[in-house]
């Protein structure tokens, strides 16, 4: 069973938070606020935060900027993962991801199913890696943000989590680039 190994020193990671919305502002971004508060409460750093409209090109540009920033370890987006015409976050992710973490979306929907039933099939939540940076796309509801952080990301972004976690893999995420000479 998963556990926290208290003999290990906690390592804080730098996380960028992007809210994807045509209507949210800094004054009413409840999902972004919830995520940022949870990140800080867990001992991590909110290294950057922004709100961008539902436009795949705009989202891609933001993701590429944060991926290129050596001070950002993880990018978490909230919003734009549904199936309507304006929901384009997964399409933007597809333009930048090198590897997909299929298990993240599967696990998120499994946990979500326990709370909202079959409506969870409308979520295209996903995770992946690009140039050594983890990226996770969450639905825009505050409940979905809480579920993804509290039940998955809190644990996987804690280097003390056993039997394994994403943080301990961070130094190895760019091995393929080193081996390819670039």
Protein backbone atom coordinates (compact mmCIF):
# COMPACT_ATOMS: atom_id res chain seq x y z
CA UNK A 1 0.00 0.00 0.00
CA UNK A 2 1.17 3.53 -0.76
CA UNK A 3 2.72 5.49 2.07
CA UNK A 4 4.87 8.52 2.89
CA UNK A 5 8.41 7.67 3.96
CA UNK A 6 9.02 10.20 6.74
CA UNK A 7 12.75 9.36 6.78
CA UNK A 8 13.18 11.14 3.44
CA UNK A 9 13.57 14.92 3.16
CA UNK A 10 10.67 16.56 1.26
CA UNK A 11 11.64 18.18 -2.06
CA UNK A 12 9.45 21.07 -3.19
CA UNK A 13 8.77 21.32 -6.92
CA UNK A 14 8.00 24.46 -8.92
CA UNK A 15 4.56 24.32 -10.49
CA UNK A 16 2.99 26.63 -13.07
CA UNK A 17 -0.81 26.93 -13.06
CA UNK A 18 -2.74 27.82 -16.20
CA UNK A 19 -6.48 28.40 -16.23
CA UNK A 20 -7.97 27.96 -19.69
CA UNK A 21 -11.17 29.97 -20.03
CA UNK A 22 -12.88 32.59 -22.14
CA UNK A 23 -14.76 33.91 -19.12
CA UNK A 24 -12.63 33.59 -15.99
CA UNK A 25 -10.56 36.42 -14.60
CA UNK A 26 -8.21 36.72 -11.63
CA UNK A 27 -11.25 37.82 -9.61
CA UNK A 28 -13.34 34.68 -10.28
CA UNK A 29 -10.82 31.93 -11.06
CA UNK A 30 -11.98 29.57 -8.31
CA UNK A 31 -10.38 26.48 -9.86
CA UNK A 32 -7.02 28.18 -10.30
CA UNK A 33 -7.22 29.61 -6.77
CA UNK A 34 -8.08 26.18 -5.35
CA UNK A 35 -5.19 24.53 -7.18
CA UNK A 36 -2.68 27.23 -6.20
CA UNK A 37 -3.75 27.02 -2.55
CA UNK A 38 -3.36 23.24 -2.51
CA UNK A 39 0.06 23.42 -4.18
CA UNK A 40 1.28 25.90 -1.56
CA UNK A 41 -0.27 23.97 1.33
CA UNK A 42 1.59 20.85 0.19
CA UNK A 43 4.89 22.74 0.42
CA UNK A 44 5.45 23.27 -3.30
CA UNK A 45 5.97 26.58 -5.12
CA UNK A 46 3.54 28.24 -7.53
CA UNK A 47 6.26 29.37 -9.93
CA UNK A 48 3.92 31.01 -12.45
CA UNK A 49 0.23 31.53 -12.97
CA UNK A 50 -1.86 32.72 -15.90
CA UNK A 51 -5.29 32.71 -17.48
CA UNK A 52 -5.49 32.14 -21.24
CA UNK A 53 -8.48 31.93 -23.54
CA UNK A 54 -9.68 28.71 -25.17
CA UNK A 55 -7.34 28.91 -28.16
CA UNK A 56 -5.01 26.01 -28.94
CA UNK A 57 -2.30 28.30 -30.34
CA UNK A 58 -2.34 30.56 -27.29
CA UNK A 59 -2.27 27.57 -24.93
CA UNK A 60 0.55 25.94 -26.90
CA UNK A 61 2.61 29.13 -26.75
CA UNK A 62 2.15 29.36 -22.97
CA UNK A 63 3.05 25.68 -22.52
CA UNK A 64 6.18 26.00 -24.68
CA UNK A 65 7.33 29.02 -22.68
CA UNK A 66 6.91 27.24 -19.38
CA UNK A 67 8.46 24.01 -20.67
CA UNK A 68 11.53 26.02 -21.73
CA UNK A 69 11.82 27.65 -18.30
CA UNK A 70 14.34 25.66 -16.23
CA UNK A 71 12.67 26.91 -13.03
CA UNK A 72 9.35 25.17 -13.81
CA UNK A 73 9.13 21.44 -13.09
CA UNK A 74 5.40 20.87 -13.57
CA UNK A 75 2.60 22.60 -15.49
CA UNK A 76 -1.00 22.02 -14.44
CA UNK A 77 -3.86 23.43 -16.48
CA UNK A 78 -7.48 23.64 -15.49
CA UNK A 79 -10.21 23.97 -18.09
CA UNK A 80 -10.73 23.20 -21.74
CA UNK A 81 -10.70 19.41 -21.42
CA UNK A 82 -14.33 18.78 -22.34
CA UNK A 83 -15.77 17.89 -25.73
CA UNK A 84 -17.37 21.12 -26.88
CA UNK A 85 -16.05 23.15 -29.77
CA UNK A 86 -14.17 25.57 -27.49
CA UNK A 87 -12.45 22.80 -25.48
CA UNK A 88 -8.98 22.63 -27.05
CA UNK A 89 -6.54 22.06 -24.18
CA UNK A 90 -5.82 18.42 -25.16
CA UNK A 91 -5.14 19.55 -28.74
CA UNK A 92 -2.61 22.11 -27.47
CA UNK A 93 -0.99 19.44 -25.30
CA UNK A 94 -0.73 17.13 -28.31
CA UNK A 95 1.44 19.76 -30.02
CA UNK A 96 4.02 19.77 -27.20
CA UNK A 97 4.02 16.38 -25.44
CA UNK A 98 6.85 13.96 -26.06
CA UNK A 99 5.37 11.19 -23.92
CA UNK A 100 1.88 10.60 -22.63
CA UNK A 101 1.15 9.40 -19.10
CA UNK A 102 -1.98 7.44 -20.01
CA UNK A 103 -2.46 6.25 -16.45
CA UNK A 104 -3.13 9.79 -15.21
CA UNK A 105 -6.26 10.31 -17.32
CA UNK A 106 -7.44 6.77 -16.67
CA UNK A 107 -6.96 7.12 -12.92
CA UNK A 108 -8.58 10.55 -12.87
CA UNK A 109 -11.69 9.24 -14.66
CA UNK A 110 -11.85 6.18 -12.41
CA UNK A 111 -11.78 8.35 -9.29
CA UNK A 112 -14.17 10.87 -10.86
CA UNK A 113 -16.62 8.10 -11.75
CA UNK A 114 -17.04 7.38 -8.04
CA UNK A 115 -18.32 10.94 -7.58
CA UNK A 116 -20.09 11.94 -10.81
CA UNK A 117 -20.81 8.60 -12.46
CA UNK A 118 -20.81 8.24 -16.21
CA UNK A 119 -20.51 12.01 -16.73
CA UNK A 120 -16.77 11.49 -16.24
CA UNK A 121 -16.55 10.17 -19.81
CA UNK A 122 -16.83 13.78 -20.99
CA UNK A 123 -13.43 14.60 -19.46
CA UNK A 124 -10.30 14.46 -21.58
CA UNK A 125 -7.99 14.98 -18.60
CA UNK A 126 -4.47 13.91 -19.47
CA UNK A 127 -0.85 13.92 -18.42
CA UNK A 128 2.50 13.79 -20.14
CA UNK A 129 6.09 14.95 -20.34
CA UNK A 130 7.84 17.48 -22.59
CA UNK A 131 11.55 18.38 -22.35
CA UNK A 132 11.77 17.26 -18.73
CA UNK A 133 8.58 19.02 -17.58
CA UNK A 134 5.48 17.21 -16.39
CA UNK A 135 2.20 18.50 -17.81
CA UNK A 136 -1.29 17.72 -16.53
CA UNK A 137 -4.59 18.95 -18.00
CA UNK A 138 -7.49 18.99 -15.55
CA UNK A 139 -11.14 19.85 -16.09
CA UNK A 140 -12.16 23.36 -15.12
CA UNK A 141 -14.46 22.57 -12.22
CA UNK A 142 -13.24 23.18 -8.69
CA UNK A 143 -14.36 19.66 -7.75
CA UNK A 144 -12.27 18.11 -10.51
CA UNK A 145 -9.24 20.15 -9.45
CA UNK A 146 -9.66 18.95 -5.86
CA UNK A 147 -10.03 15.33 -6.98
CA UNK A 148 -6.98 15.41 -9.25
CA UNK A 149 -4.76 17.15 -6.70
CA UNK A 150 -5.94 15.45 -3.51
CA UNK A 151 -6.17 11.92 -4.89
CA UNK A 152 -3.33 11.80 -7.45
CA UNK A 153 -0.96 14.73 -7.84
CA UNK A 154 -0.42 15.44 -4.14
CA UNK A 155 1.02 11.95 -3.79
CA UNK A 156 2.87 11.61 -7.07
CA UNK A 157 4.55 15.01 -6.64
CA UNK A 158 5.81 14.08 -3.18
CA UNK A 159 9.26 12.48 -3.38
CA UNK A 160 8.58 10.64 -0.12
CA UNK A 161 5.64 8.71 -1.59
CA UNK A 162 6.29 4.97 -1.76
CA UNK A 163 6.59 2.70 -3.58
CA UNK A 164 7.41 5.32 -6.25
CA UNK A 165 6.63 8.86 -7.38
CA UNK A 166 7.14 11.25 -10.29
CA UNK A 167 9.63 13.51 -8.51
CA UNK A 168 12.31 10.84 -8.23
CA UNK A 169 12.11 10.37 -12.02
CA UNK A 170 12.68 14.06 -12.81
CA UNK A 171 16.46 13.81 -13.23
CA UNK A 172 15.95 11.10 -15.87
CA UNK A 173 13.18 12.70 -17.96
CA UNK A 174 15.59 14.08 -20.56
CA UNK A 175 17.80 11.02 -20.99
CA UNK A 176 16.54 10.52 -24.55
CA UNK A 177 17.68 14.04 -25.45
CA UNK A 178 21.14 13.51 -23.99
CA UNK A 179 21.51 10.19 -25.78
CA UNK A 180 20.43 11.80 -29.08
CA UNK A 181 22.92 14.62 -28.64
CA UNK A 182 20.33 17.32 -28.19
